[in-house]
Amino acid sequence: MSPATLAAIHALSASTLSDLDMAGTAVFAISGALVAARARQNIVTFAFFAAMTGVGGGTLRDLLIGAPVFWMHATAPLAVCLGIALLVWCTPHRFWPERAIDWFDGLGLASYAVYGAAKALAYGIPWLPAAIMGVVTACMGGIIRDVLADLPSIVIRPELYVTAAALASGLYVGLHELDMSPMLAGAIAVVMGFGLRGYAILHKVDLPAYRGYGRTK
């Protein structure tokens, strides 16, 4: 394969991962705006929830890996969050299914887990911390959203959540270590992570809970 072809493939892969970052930001912003809608908040609160949910996980990731905080150097992420907040504000509630928050959050979870891991690897982070950065990127936006809304954190609700993020992130890192193209590795990891989260939403699947308390001799 010629150097020009390889360069084109790498450029396409980088563009795809960048699109994945924007997709994750967008769907997390939708979930934040929908929480504000459910709480019957005003447009300013819609925008705040959308922005904090959309960029929260990526902000922590960039601070931890020593990267410039992404939304401080580009207008698109915050513009997408604010545009989505306005869109949800102008949309009748009946337009959104009852569990729309969970499904949009699940898609954002898988997308952000993969992008977070990919960015950490690109900054020279070893494979295990890079996989953890994918989980942090994926989960922190939802945690911030739930804390702001005074809701039980989504990471302790009775369906697989962090596990789905870990699957997407870990799978991407593993495929990357096997020298699979970033575009294909990312696609496989997002589909698998979102598939697991969707299955958990539909069937209330969870890992076994700790049972050490409450036992009698």
N, C-alpha and C. Protein backbone atom coordinates (compact mmCIF):
# COMPACT_ATOMS: atom_id res chain seq x y z
N MET A 1 0.86 -1.20 0.00
CA MET A 1 0.00 0.00 0.00
C MET A 1 0.89 1.24 0.00
N SER A 2 0.60 2.21 -0.85
CA SER A 2 1.45 3.37 -1.01
C SER A 2 1.37 4.29 0.20
N PRO A 3 2.42 5.11 0.46
CA PRO A 3 2.38 6.07 1.57
C PRO A 3 1.19 7.04 1.47
N ALA A 4 0.85 7.43 0.24
CA ALA A 4 -0.28 8.34 0.07
C ALA A 4 -1.59 7.68 0.50
N THR A 5 -1.75 6.41 0.17
CA THR A 5 -2.95 5.68 0.57
C THR A 5 -3.03 5.53 2.08
N LEU A 6 -1.89 5.18 2.69
CA LEU A 6 -1.85 5.06 4.15
C LEU A 6 -2.19 6.39 4.81
N ALA A 7 -1.65 7.48 4.28
CA ALA A 7 -1.94 8.80 4.84
C ALA A 7 -3.42 9.12 4.72
N ALA A 8 -4.03 8.76 3.61
CA ALA A 8 -5.45 9.01 3.42
C ALA A 8 -6.29 8.20 4.41
N ILE A 9 -5.89 6.95 4.66
CA ILE A 9 -6.61 6.10 5.60
C ILE A 9 -6.53 6.68 7.01
N HIS A 10 -5.29 7.11 7.39
CA HIS A 10 -5.13 7.69 8.73
C HIS A 10 -5.93 8.99 8.88
N ALA A 11 -5.97 9.80 7.82
CA ALA A 11 -6.74 11.04 7.87
C ALA A 11 -8.23 10.75 8.02
N LEU A 12 -8.71 9.74 7.30
CA LEU A 12 -10.12 9.35 7.40
C LEU A 12 -10.44 8.84 8.80
N SER A 13 -9.53 8.04 9.37
CA SER A 13 -9.73 7.51 10.71
C SER A 13 -9.79 8.63 11.73
N ALA A 14 -8.87 9.60 11.62
CA ALA A 14 -8.86 10.72 12.56
C ALA A 14 -10.15 11.53 12.44
N SER A 15 -10.61 11.74 11.20
CA SER A 15 -11.85 12.47 10.98
C SER A 15 -13.05 11.73 11.57
N THR A 16 -13.06 10.40 11.42
CA THR A 16 -14.16 9.60 11.97
C THR A 16 -14.20 9.67 13.48
N LEU A 17 -13.04 9.57 14.12
CA LEU A 17 -12.98 9.67 15.58
C LEU A 17 -13.40 11.06 16.05
N SER A 18 -13.02 12.10 15.31
CA SER A 18 -13.46 13.45 15.65
C SER A 18 -14.98 13.56 15.54
N ASP A 19 -15.55 12.96 14.50
CA ASP A 19 -17.01 12.95 14.36
C ASP A 19 -17.66 12.20 15.52
N LEU A 20 -17.00 11.14 15.99
CA LEU A 20 -17.50 10.36 17.12
C LEU A 20 -17.53 11.23 18.37
N ASP A 21 -16.51 12.07 18.55
CA ASP A 21 -16.47 12.99 19.69
C ASP A 21 -17.66 13.94 19.64
N MET A 22 -17.92 14.50 18.46
CA MET A 22 -19.03 15.44 18.33
C MET A 22 -20.37 14.74 18.52
N ALA A 23 -20.47 13.50 18.03
CA ALA A 23 -21.71 12.74 18.22
C ALA A 23 -21.96 12.47 19.70
N GLY A 24 -20.89 12.09 20.41
CA GLY A 24 -21.03 11.85 21.84
C GLY A 24 -21.46 13.11 22.58
N THR A 25 -20.84 14.24 22.23
CA THR A 25 -21.22 15.51 22.85
C THR A 25 -22.69 15.82 22.59
N ALA A 26 -23.13 15.61 21.36
CA ALA A 26 -24.50 15.95 20.98
C ALA A 26 -25.53 15.10 21.72
N VAL A 27 -25.31 13.79 21.75
CA VAL A 27 -26.33 12.94 22.37
C VAL A 27 -26.33 13.08 23.89
N PHE A 28 -25.17 13.34 24.48
CA PHE A 28 -25.16 13.64 25.91
C PHE A 28 -25.88 14.96 26.19
N ALA A 29 -25.69 15.94 25.32
CA ALA A 29 -26.39 17.22 25.49
C ALA A 29 -27.90 17.03 25.41
N ILE A 30 -28.36 16.16 24.51
CA ILE A 30 -29.79 15.87 24.43
C ILE A 30 -30.29 15.28 25.74
N SER A 31 -29.52 14.34 26.31
CA SER A 31 -29.97 13.73 27.57
C SER A 31 -30.03 14.77 28.68
N GLY A 32 -29.07 15.71 28.70
CA GLY A 32 -29.10 16.77 29.71
C GLY A 32 -30.30 17.69 29.54
N ALA A 33 -30.58 18.07 28.29
CA ALA A 33 -31.73 18.93 28.03
C ALA A 33 -33.04 18.24 28.37
N LEU A 34 -33.12 16.93 28.13
CA LEU A 34 -34.34 16.20 28.45
C LEU A 34 -34.57 16.10 29.96
N VAL A 35 -33.49 16.01 30.72
CA VAL A 35 -33.65 16.04 32.18
C VAL A 35 -34.21 17.39 32.61
N ALA A 36 -33.71 18.47 32.01
CA ALA A 36 -34.24 19.80 32.32
C ALA A 36 -35.71 19.90 31.91
N ALA A 37 -36.07 19.29 30.77
CA ALA A 37 -37.46 19.30 30.33
C ALA A 37 -38.36 18.56 31.31
N ARG A 38 -37.89 17.41 31.77
CA ARG A 38 -38.68 16.63 32.72
C ARG A 38 -38.89 17.41 34.03
N ALA A 39 -37.90 18.23 34.38
CA ALA A 39 -38.01 19.03 35.60
C ALA A 39 -38.71 20.36 35.36
N ARG A 40 -39.18 20.60 34.10
CA ARG A 40 -39.91 21.83 33.73
C ARG A 40 -39.10 23.09 34.05
N GLN A 41 -37.84 23.09 33.59
CA GLN A 41 -36.95 24.22 33.83
C GLN A 41 -37.02 25.24 32.70
N ASN A 42 -36.36 26.38 32.91
CA ASN A 42 -36.37 27.43 31.89
C ASN A 42 -35.25 27.21 30.88
N ILE A 43 -35.21 28.04 29.85
CA ILE A 43 -34.28 27.83 28.74
C ILE A 43 -32.83 27.95 29.18
N VAL A 44 -32.55 28.80 30.17
CA VAL A 44 -31.18 28.95 30.66
C VAL A 44 -30.72 27.64 31.33
N THR A 45 -31.60 27.05 32.11
CA THR A 45 -31.27 25.77 32.75
C THR A 45 -31.12 24.67 31.71
N PHE A 46 -31.95 24.69 30.68
CA PHE A 46 -31.79 23.74 29.56
C PHE A 46 -30.37 23.84 29.00
N ALA A 47 -29.94 25.06 28.71
CA ALA A 47 -28.62 25.27 28.12
C ALA A 47 -27.51 24.81 29.07
N PHE A 48 -27.67 25.10 30.35
CA PHE A 48 -26.66 24.72 31.33
C PHE A 48 -26.56 23.21 31.45
N PHE A 49 -27.69 22.54 31.55
CA PHE A 49 -27.69 21.08 31.66
C PHE A 49 -27.11 20.44 30.40
N ALA A 50 -27.50 20.94 29.23
CA ALA A 50 -26.99 20.38 27.98
C ALA A 50 -25.48 20.55 27.88
N ALA A 51 -24.98 21.73 28.23
CA ALA A 51 -23.54 21.99 28.12
C ALA A 51 -22.74 21.17 29.13
N MET A 52 -23.18 21.15 30.38
CA MET A 52 -22.44 20.41 31.40
C MET A 52 -22.43 18.91 31.12
N THR A 53 -23.55 18.39 30.64
CA THR A 53 -23.60 16.97 30.31
C THR A 53 -22.79 16.66 29.06
N GLY A 54 -22.86 17.56 28.08
CA GLY A 54 -22.17 17.33 26.82
C GLY A 54 -20.65 17.38 26.91
N VAL A 55 -20.12 18.31 27.71
CA VAL A 55 -18.66 18.49 27.73
C VAL A 55 -18.02 18.07 29.04
N GLY A 56 -18.81 17.66 30.04
CA GLY A 56 -18.26 17.37 31.36
C GLY A 56 -17.23 16.26 31.36
N GLY A 57 -17.56 15.12 30.74
CA GLY A 57 -16.63 14.00 30.73
C GLY A 57 -15.37 14.30 29.95
N GLY A 58 -15.50 14.95 28.82
CA GLY A 58 -14.33 15.29 28.01
C GLY A 58 -13.43 16.30 28.70
N THR A 59 -14.03 17.19 29.48
CA THR A 59 -13.22 18.17 30.21
C THR A 59 -12.32 17.47 31.22
N LEU A 60 -12.89 16.57 32.01
CA LEU A 60 -12.09 15.84 33.00
C LEU A 60 -11.01 15.00 32.32
N ARG A 61 -11.37 14.35 31.22
CA ARG A 61 -10.39 13.56 30.47
C ARG A 61 -9.20 14.40 30.04
N ASP A 62 -9.47 15.57 29.44
CA ASP A 62 -8.38 16.40 28.94
C ASP A 62 -7.49 16.90 30.06
N LEU A 63 -8.10 17.23 31.21
CA LEU A 63 -7.30 17.68 32.34
C LEU A 63 -6.39 16.56 32.85
N LEU A 64 -6.89 15.32 32.85
CA LEU A 64 -6.12 14.21 33.38
C LEU A 64 -5.00 13.76 32.45
N ILE A 65 -5.21 13.85 31.13
CA ILE A 65 -4.17 13.39 30.20
C ILE A 65 -3.25 14.52 29.76
N GLY A 66 -3.49 15.73 30.26
CA GLY A 66 -2.62 16.84 29.91
C GLY A 66 -2.87 17.44 28.55
N ALA A 67 -4.08 17.31 28.05
CA ALA A 67 -4.44 17.87 26.74
C ALA A 67 -5.14 19.22 26.94
N PRO A 68 -5.08 20.10 25.95
CA PRO A 68 -5.88 21.32 26.03
C PRO A 68 -7.37 20.96 26.12
N VAL A 69 -8.10 21.63 27.00
CA VAL A 69 -9.52 21.34 27.16
C VAL A 69 -10.23 21.66 25.85
N PHE A 70 -10.86 20.65 25.28
CA PHE A 70 -11.29 20.72 23.87
C PHE A 70 -12.24 21.87 23.58
N TRP A 71 -13.18 22.16 24.48
CA TRP A 71 -14.17 23.19 24.16
C TRP A 71 -13.66 24.61 24.39
N MET A 72 -12.45 24.73 24.95
CA MET A 72 -11.83 26.05 25.10
C MET A 72 -11.11 26.48 23.83
N HIS A 73 -10.96 25.57 22.88
CA HIS A 73 -10.20 25.87 21.67
C HIS A 73 -11.02 25.68 20.40
N ALA A 74 -12.31 25.47 20.54
CA ALA A 74 -13.20 25.33 19.39
C ALA A 74 -14.61 25.72 19.82
N THR A 75 -15.31 26.39 18.95
CA THR A 75 -16.66 26.83 19.30
C THR A 75 -17.71 25.76 19.07
N ALA A 76 -17.40 24.77 18.22
CA ALA A 76 -18.42 23.80 17.82
C ALA A 76 -19.03 23.02 18.99
N PRO A 77 -18.24 22.48 19.95
CA PRO A 77 -18.87 21.68 21.01
C PRO A 77 -19.94 22.43 21.80
N LEU A 78 -19.62 23.63 22.26
CA LEU A 78 -20.61 24.39 23.03
C LEU A 78 -21.75 24.86 22.14
N ALA A 79 -21.44 25.20 20.89
CA ALA A 79 -22.50 25.63 19.98
C ALA A 79 -23.49 24.49 19.75
N VAL A 80 -22.99 23.26 19.61
CA VAL A 80 -23.87 22.10 19.45
C VAL A 80 -24.73 21.92 20.69
N CYS A 81 -24.12 22.02 21.87
CA CYS A 81 -24.87 21.85 23.12
C CYS A 81 -25.98 22.89 23.25
N LEU A 82 -25.66 24.15 22.96
CA LEU A 82 -26.65 25.21 23.09
C LEU A 82 -27.75 25.07 22.03
N GLY A 83 -27.37 24.68 20.81
CA GLY A 83 -28.36 24.48 19.77
C GLY A 83 -29.32 23.35 20.12
N ILE A 84 -28.79 22.29 20.71
CA ILE A 84 -29.63 21.16 21.11
C ILE A 84 -30.56 21.56 22.24
N ALA A 85 -30.05 22.35 23.18
CA ALA A 85 -30.90 22.83 24.26
C ALA A 85 -32.09 23.61 23.71
N LEU A 86 -31.84 24.47 22.73
CA LEU A 86 -32.91 25.24 22.11
C LEU A 86 -33.88 24.33 21.36
N LEU A 87 -33.34 23.32 20.67
CA LEU A 87 -34.18 22.39 19.93
C LEU A 87 -35.13 21.64 20.87
N VAL A 88 -34.59 21.11 21.96
CA VAL A 88 -35.43 20.37 22.91
C VAL A 88 -36.44 21.31 23.55
N TRP A 89 -36.03 22.52 23.86
CA TRP A 89 -36.93 23.52 24.46
C TRP A 89 -38.13 23.80 23.56
N CYS A 90 -37.89 23.81 22.24
CA CYS A 90 -38.95 24.14 21.29
C CYS A 90 -39.77 22.93 20.84
N THR A 91 -39.42 21.75 21.35
CA THR A 91 -40.07 20.53 20.89
C THR A 91 -41.08 20.05 21.92
N PRO A 92 -42.30 19.69 21.50
CA PRO A 92 -43.28 19.17 22.46
C PRO A 92 -42.77 17.92 23.17
N HIS A 93 -43.16 17.77 24.42
CA HIS A 93 -42.69 16.65 25.22
C HIS A 93 -43.06 15.30 24.61
N ARG A 94 -44.22 15.25 23.95
CA ARG A 94 -44.68 13.98 23.39
C ARG A 94 -43.78 13.48 22.27
N PHE A 95 -42.92 14.37 21.74
CA PHE A 95 -42.01 13.98 20.68
C PHE A 95 -40.95 13.01 21.18
N TRP A 96 -40.63 13.07 22.48
CA TRP A 96 -39.56 12.27 23.05
C TRP A 96 -40.14 11.07 23.78
N PRO A 97 -39.71 9.85 23.44
CA PRO A 97 -40.21 8.67 24.16
C PRO A 97 -39.88 8.73 25.64
N GLU A 98 -40.58 7.93 26.43
CA GLU A 98 -40.43 7.96 27.87
C GLU A 98 -38.99 7.69 28.30
N ARG A 99 -38.32 6.76 27.62
CA ARG A 99 -36.96 6.39 28.00
C ARG A 99 -35.92 6.99 27.05
N ALA A 100 -36.28 8.11 26.42
CA ALA A 100 -35.35 8.74 25.48
C ALA A 100 -34.05 9.12 26.15
N ILE A 101 -34.12 9.58 27.40
CA ILE A 101 -32.91 9.97 28.12
C ILE A 101 -31.94 8.79 28.19
N ASP A 102 -32.46 7.61 28.54
CA ASP A 102 -31.60 6.44 28.68
C ASP A 102 -30.96 6.05 27.35
N TRP A 103 -31.74 6.12 26.26
CA TRP A 103 -31.21 5.70 24.96
C TRP A 103 -30.18 6.70 24.43
N PHE A 104 -30.47 7.99 24.54
CA PHE A 104 -29.48 8.97 24.09
C PHE A 104 -28.23 8.89 24.97
N ASP A 105 -28.43 8.72 26.27
CA ASP A 105 -27.30 8.59 27.16
C ASP A 105 -26.47 7.35 26.80
N GLY A 106 -27.15 6.25 26.46
CA GLY A 106 -26.43 5.03 26.09
C GLY A 106 -25.59 5.19 24.84
N LEU A 107 -26.13 5.90 23.85
CA LEU A 107 -25.36 6.14 22.63
C LEU A 107 -24.17 7.05 22.91
N GLY A 108 -24.40 8.08 23.72
CA GLY A 108 -23.29 8.95 24.11
C GLY A 108 -22.25 8.20 24.90
N LEU A 109 -22.70 7.30 25.76
CA LEU A 109 -21.80 6.50 26.59
C LEU A 109 -20.82 5.71 25.72
N ALA A 110 -21.35 4.99 24.74
CA ALA A 110 -20.49 4.17 23.88
C ALA A 110 -19.57 5.04 23.02
N SER A 111 -20.10 6.11 22.45
CA SER A 111 -19.30 6.98 21.59
C SER A 111 -18.17 7.64 22.36
N TYR A 112 -18.50 8.18 23.51
CA TYR A 112 -17.50 8.89 24.30
C TYR A 112 -16.47 7.95 24.90
N ALA A 113 -16.88 6.72 25.24
CA ALA A 113 -15.92 5.75 25.78
C ALA A 113 -14.84 5.46 24.75
N VAL A 114 -15.24 5.28 23.51
CA VAL A 114 -14.28 4.99 22.45
C VAL A 114 -13.40 6.21 22.17
N TYR A 115 -14.02 7.38 22.04
CA TYR A 115 -13.22 8.57 21.73
C TYR A 115 -12.27 8.90 22.87
N GLY A 116 -12.75 8.75 24.12
CA GLY A 116 -11.88 9.05 25.26
C GLY A 116 -10.66 8.15 25.29
N ALA A 117 -10.85 6.86 25.02
CA ALA A 117 -9.73 5.94 24.97
C ALA A 117 -8.78 6.27 23.81
N ALA A 118 -9.37 6.59 22.65
CA ALA A 118 -8.55 6.92 21.48
C ALA A 118 -7.71 8.17 21.72
N LYS A 119 -8.28 9.16 22.33
CA LYS A 119 -7.53 10.40 22.57
C LYS A 119 -6.42 10.17 23.59
N ALA A 120 -6.72 9.38 24.63
CA ALA A 120 -5.69 9.07 25.61
C ALA A 120 -4.52 8.34 24.96
N LEU A 121 -4.82 7.36 24.11
CA LEU A 121 -3.75 6.65 23.40
C LEU A 121 -2.94 7.59 22.51
N ALA A 122 -3.63 8.53 21.87
CA ALA A 122 -2.95 9.48 20.99
C ALA A 122 -2.00 10.38 21.77
N TYR A 123 -2.28 10.60 23.05
CA TYR A 123 -1.42 11.42 23.90
C TYR A 123 -0.37 10.59 24.63
N GLY A 124 -0.21 9.34 24.21
CA GLY A 124 0.85 8.52 24.76
C GLY A 124 0.54 7.85 26.08
N ILE A 125 -0.73 7.82 26.46
CA ILE A 125 -1.13 7.17 27.70
C ILE A 125 -1.08 5.65 27.49
N PRO A 126 -0.51 4.88 28.43
CA PRO A 126 -0.48 3.41 28.27
C PRO A 126 -1.88 2.82 28.18
N TRP A 127 -1.95 1.57 27.71
CA TRP A 127 -3.24 0.98 27.33
C TRP A 127 -4.24 0.91 28.48
N LEU A 128 -3.80 0.54 29.71
CA LEU A 128 -4.77 0.40 30.80
C LEU A 128 -5.32 1.74 31.26
N PRO A 129 -4.46 2.75 31.56
CA PRO A 129 -5.02 4.07 31.88
C PRO A 129 -5.84 4.66 30.74
N ALA A 130 -5.47 4.35 29.50
CA ALA A 130 -6.25 4.85 28.36
C ALA A 130 -7.65 4.27 28.37
N ALA A 131 -7.77 2.98 28.67
CA ALA A 131 -9.10 2.37 28.76
C ALA A 131 -9.91 2.99 29.89
N ILE A 132 -9.25 3.28 31.02
CA ILE A 132 -9.94 3.93 32.13
C ILE A 132 -10.39 5.33 31.73
N MET A 133 -9.56 6.04 30.96
CA MET A 133 -9.95 7.38 30.50
C MET A 133 -11.20 7.32 29.62
N GLY A 134 -11.34 6.24 28.86
CA GLY A 134 -12.57 6.08 28.09
C GLY A 134 -13.78 5.98 28.99
N VAL A 135 -13.67 5.22 30.06
CA VAL A 135 -14.78 5.08 31.01
C VAL A 135 -15.07 6.42 31.69
N VAL A 136 -14.02 7.12 32.12
CA VAL A 136 -14.21 8.42 32.76
C VAL A 136 -14.91 9.39 31.81
N THR A 137 -14.43 9.45 30.58
CA THR A 137 -15.04 10.34 29.58
C THR A 137 -16.52 10.02 29.39
N ALA A 138 -16.84 8.73 29.36
CA ALA A 138 -18.21 8.31 29.08
C ALA A 138 -19.15 8.55 30.25
N CYS A 139 -18.68 8.39 31.46
CA CYS A 139 -19.58 8.38 32.62
C CYS A 139 -19.74 9.73 33.31
N MET A 140 -18.73 10.59 33.24
CA MET A 140 -18.78 11.80 34.06
C MET A 140 -19.87 12.77 33.65
N GLY A 141 -20.17 12.86 32.34
CA GLY A 141 -21.24 13.77 31.92
C GLY A 141 -22.57 13.40 32.54
N GLY A 142 -22.90 12.10 32.53
CA GLY A 142 -24.15 11.64 33.14
C GLY A 142 -24.16 11.83 34.64
N ILE A 143 -23.01 11.64 35.28
CA ILE A 143 -22.93 11.85 36.72
C ILE A 143 -23.17 13.32 37.05
N ILE A 144 -22.53 14.22 36.31
CA ILE A 144 -22.72 15.66 36.54
C ILE A 144 -24.19 16.04 36.34
N ARG A 145 -24.80 15.53 35.27
CA ARG A 145 -26.21 15.81 34.99
C ARG A 145 -27.10 15.39 36.15
N ASP A 146 -26.89 14.19 36.66
CA ASP A 146 -27.75 13.67 37.73
C ASP A 146 -27.53 14.41 39.04
N VAL A 147 -26.28 14.80 39.31
CA VAL A 147 -26.02 15.58 40.52
C VAL A 147 -26.72 16.94 40.44
N LEU A 148 -26.62 17.60 39.29
CA LEU A 148 -27.27 18.90 39.11
C LEU A 148 -28.78 18.80 39.26
N ALA A 149 -29.35 17.69 38.77
CA ALA A 149 -30.80 17.51 38.81
C ALA A 149 -31.28 16.87 40.11
N ASP A 150 -30.35 16.57 41.02
CA ASP A 150 -30.68 15.92 42.29
C ASP A 150 -31.39 14.59 42.05
N LEU A 151 -30.84 13.82 41.11
CA LEU A 151 -31.37 12.50 40.79
C LEU A 151 -30.39 11.43 41.28
N PRO A 152 -30.88 10.20 41.54
CA PRO A 152 -29.95 9.10 41.83
C PRO A 152 -28.99 8.93 40.66
N SER A 153 -27.72 8.84 40.94
CA SER A 153 -26.73 8.75 39.88
C SER A 153 -27.00 7.57 38.97
N ILE A 154 -26.85 7.79 37.67
CA ILE A 154 -27.12 6.74 36.70
C ILE A 154 -26.16 5.56 36.85
N VAL A 155 -24.99 5.79 37.45
CA VAL A 155 -24.02 4.70 37.57
C VAL A 155 -24.42 3.68 38.63
N ILE A 156 -25.40 4.02 39.50
CA ILE A 156 -25.83 3.06 40.51
C ILE A 156 -27.27 2.61 40.29
N ARG A 157 -27.83 2.92 39.12
CA ARG A 157 -29.16 2.40 38.81
C ARG A 157 -29.07 0.92 38.42
N PRO A 158 -30.20 0.21 38.49
CA PRO A 158 -30.13 -1.25 38.34
C PRO A 158 -30.04 -1.75 36.90
N GLU A 159 -29.16 -1.16 36.09
CA GLU A 159 -28.85 -1.72 34.78
C GLU A 159 -27.36 -1.51 34.54
N LEU A 160 -26.79 -2.35 33.69
CA LEU A 160 -25.38 -2.20 33.34
C LEU A 160 -25.13 -0.83 32.74
N TYR A 161 -24.16 -0.11 33.26
CA TYR A 161 -23.84 1.22 32.76
C TYR A 161 -22.33 1.37 32.60
N VAL A 162 -21.63 1.41 33.73
CA VAL A 162 -20.17 1.50 33.66
C VAL A 162 -19.59 0.31 32.90
N THR A 163 -20.23 -0.85 33.06
CA THR A 163 -19.77 -2.05 32.35
C THR A 163 -19.83 -1.87 30.85
N ALA A 164 -20.88 -1.23 30.35
CA ALA A 164 -21.00 -0.98 28.91
C ALA A 164 -19.92 -0.03 28.43
N ALA A 165 -19.64 1.01 29.24
CA ALA A 165 -18.56 1.93 28.89
C ALA A 165 -17.22 1.21 28.89
N ALA A 166 -17.00 0.35 29.89
CA ALA A 166 -15.74 -0.39 29.96
C ALA A 166 -15.59 -1.34 28.78
N LEU A 167 -16.69 -1.95 28.34
CA LEU A 167 -16.63 -2.84 27.18
C LEU A 167 -16.21 -2.06 25.94
N ALA A 168 -16.86 -0.92 25.69
CA ALA A 168 -16.55 -0.12 24.50
C ALA A 168 -15.11 0.38 24.55
N SER A 169 -14.70 0.92 25.68
CA SER A 169 -13.36 1.46 25.82
C SER A 169 -12.30 0.37 25.74
N GLY A 170 -12.51 -0.70 26.52
CA GLY A 170 -11.53 -1.79 26.53
C GLY A 170 -11.42 -2.49 25.19
N LEU A 171 -12.54 -2.66 24.51
CA LEU A 171 -12.52 -3.31 23.20
C LEU A 171 -11.75 -2.46 22.20
N TYR A 172 -11.97 -1.15 22.24
CA TYR A 172 -11.24 -0.28 21.31
C TYR A 172 -9.74 -0.37 21.57
N VAL A 173 -9.36 -0.28 22.84
CA VAL A 173 -7.93 -0.34 23.17
C VAL A 173 -7.34 -1.68 22.74
N GLY A 174 -8.07 -2.77 23.01
CA GLY A 174 -7.57 -4.09 22.61
C GLY A 174 -7.39 -4.21 21.11
N LEU A 175 -8.37 -3.74 20.34
CA LEU A 175 -8.27 -3.80 18.88
C LEU A 175 -7.16 -2.89 18.36
N HIS A 176 -7.00 -1.75 19.04
CA HIS A 176 -5.90 -0.85 18.67
C HIS A 176 -4.55 -1.53 18.88
N GLU A 177 -4.41 -2.25 19.98
CA GLU A 177 -3.16 -2.95 20.25
C GLU A 177 -2.91 -4.06 19.23
N LEU A 178 -3.96 -4.56 18.61
CA LEU A 178 -3.83 -5.57 17.55
C LEU A 178 -3.63 -4.94 16.18
N ASP A 179 -3.45 -3.61 16.17
CA ASP A 179 -3.18 -2.85 14.93
C ASP A 179 -4.35 -2.82 13.97
N MET A 180 -5.57 -2.95 14.48
CA MET A 180 -6.73 -2.74 13.63
C MET A 180 -6.87 -1.24 13.35
N SER A 181 -7.41 -0.90 12.19
CA SER A 181 -7.57 0.52 11.85
C SER A 181 -8.48 1.20 12.87
N PRO A 182 -8.17 2.44 13.28
CA PRO A 182 -8.99 3.13 14.27
C PRO A 182 -10.47 3.22 13.88
N MET A 183 -10.74 3.40 12.59
CA MET A 183 -12.12 3.54 12.15
C MET A 183 -12.91 2.26 12.39
N LEU A 184 -12.34 1.13 11.99
CA LEU A 184 -13.03 -0.15 12.18
C LEU A 184 -13.10 -0.52 13.65
N ALA A 185 -12.01 -0.32 14.39
CA ALA A 185 -12.01 -0.62 15.82
C ALA A 185 -13.06 0.22 16.55
N GLY A 186 -13.14 1.50 16.18
CA GLY A 186 -14.11 2.38 16.81
C GLY A 186 -15.54 1.96 16.52
N ALA A 187 -15.80 1.58 15.26
CA ALA A 187 -17.15 1.16 14.90
C ALA A 187 -17.57 -0.09 15.66
N ILE A 188 -16.67 -1.08 15.74
CA ILE A 188 -16.99 -2.31 16.46
C ILE A 188 -17.23 -2.02 17.94
N ALA A 189 -16.36 -1.20 18.53
CA ALA A 189 -16.46 -0.92 19.96
C ALA A 189 -17.74 -0.15 20.30
N VAL A 190 -18.10 0.82 19.47
CA VAL A 190 -19.33 1.59 19.73
C VAL A 190 -20.56 0.68 19.63
N VAL A 191 -20.61 -0.14 18.60
CA VAL A 191 -21.76 -1.04 18.42
C VAL A 191 -21.88 -2.00 19.59
N MET A 192 -20.78 -2.57 20.04
CA MET A 192 -20.82 -3.52 21.14
C MET A 192 -21.19 -2.84 22.46
N GLY A 193 -20.61 -1.68 22.72
CA GLY A 193 -20.93 -0.96 23.96
C GLY A 193 -22.37 -0.51 24.01
N PHE A 194 -22.84 0.06 22.89
CA PHE A 194 -24.24 0.50 22.84
C PHE A 194 -25.19 -0.69 22.87
N GLY A 195 -24.79 -1.77 22.22
CA GLY A 195 -25.62 -2.98 22.24
C GLY A 195 -25.80 -3.51 23.65
N LEU A 196 -24.72 -3.55 24.42
CA LEU A 196 -24.81 -4.04 25.79
C LEU A 196 -25.67 -3.11 26.64
N ARG A 197 -25.47 -1.81 26.48
CA ARG A 197 -26.27 -0.85 27.25
C ARG A 197 -27.74 -0.94 26.85
N GLY A 198 -28.03 -1.07 25.56
CA GLY A 198 -29.41 -1.20 25.12
C GLY A 198 -30.07 -2.46 25.64
N TYR A 199 -29.33 -3.56 25.63
CA TYR A 199 -29.86 -4.81 26.17
C TYR A 199 -30.16 -4.67 27.66
N ALA A 200 -29.28 -3.97 28.37
CA ALA A 200 -29.51 -3.75 29.81
C ALA A 200 -30.74 -2.89 30.06
N ILE A 201 -30.95 -1.88 29.21
CA ILE A 201 -32.12 -1.01 29.36
C ILE A 201 -33.41 -1.81 29.13
N LEU A 202 -33.41 -2.63 28.10
CA LEU A 202 -34.61 -3.38 27.74
C LEU A 202 -34.94 -4.48 28.73
N HIS A 203 -33.89 -5.13 29.26
CA HIS A 203 -34.11 -6.34 30.07
C HIS A 203 -33.70 -6.18 31.52
N LYS A 204 -33.34 -4.94 31.93
CA LYS A 204 -32.97 -4.67 33.33
C LYS A 204 -31.83 -5.57 33.79
N VAL A 205 -30.83 -5.71 32.97
CA VAL A 205 -29.71 -6.60 33.28
C VAL A 205 -28.71 -5.87 34.16
N ASP A 206 -28.21 -6.55 35.17
CA ASP A 206 -27.21 -5.97 36.05
C ASP A 206 -26.25 -7.06 36.48
N LEU A 207 -25.09 -6.68 36.97
CA LEU A 207 -24.16 -7.63 37.55
C LEU A 207 -24.62 -8.00 38.96
N PRO A 208 -24.23 -9.15 39.47
CA PRO A 208 -24.63 -9.54 40.83
C PRO A 208 -24.16 -8.50 41.85
N ALA A 209 -25.03 -8.17 42.79
CA ALA A 209 -24.71 -7.18 43.82
C ALA A 209 -24.00 -7.85 44.99
N TYR A 210 -23.28 -7.04 45.74
CA TYR A 210 -22.62 -7.52 46.95
C TYR A 210 -23.67 -7.95 47.98
N ARG A 211 -23.47 -9.12 48.56
CA ARG A 211 -24.45 -9.66 49.49
C ARG A 211 -23.87 -9.92 50.88
N GLY A 212 -22.76 -9.25 51.18
CA GLY A 212 -22.10 -9.49 52.46
C GLY A 212 -22.85 -8.95 53.65
N TYR A 213 -23.65 -7.89 53.44
CA TYR A 213 -24.44 -7.33 54.53
C TYR A 213 -25.75 -8.10 54.69
N GLY A 214 -26.22 -8.15 55.90
CA GLY A 214 -27.54 -8.72 56.17
C GLY A 214 -27.57 -10.22 56.33
N ARG A 215 -26.40 -10.87 56.26
CA ARG A 215 -26.38 -12.31 56.44
C ARG A 215 -26.44 -12.64 57.92
N THR A 216 -27.12 -13.67 58.22
CA THR A 216 -27.20 -14.12 59.60
C THR A 216 -26.41 -15.40 59.76
N LYS A 217 -25.87 -15.60 60.92
CA LYS A 217 -25.10 -16.81 61.19
C LYS A 217 -26.03 -17.98 61.40
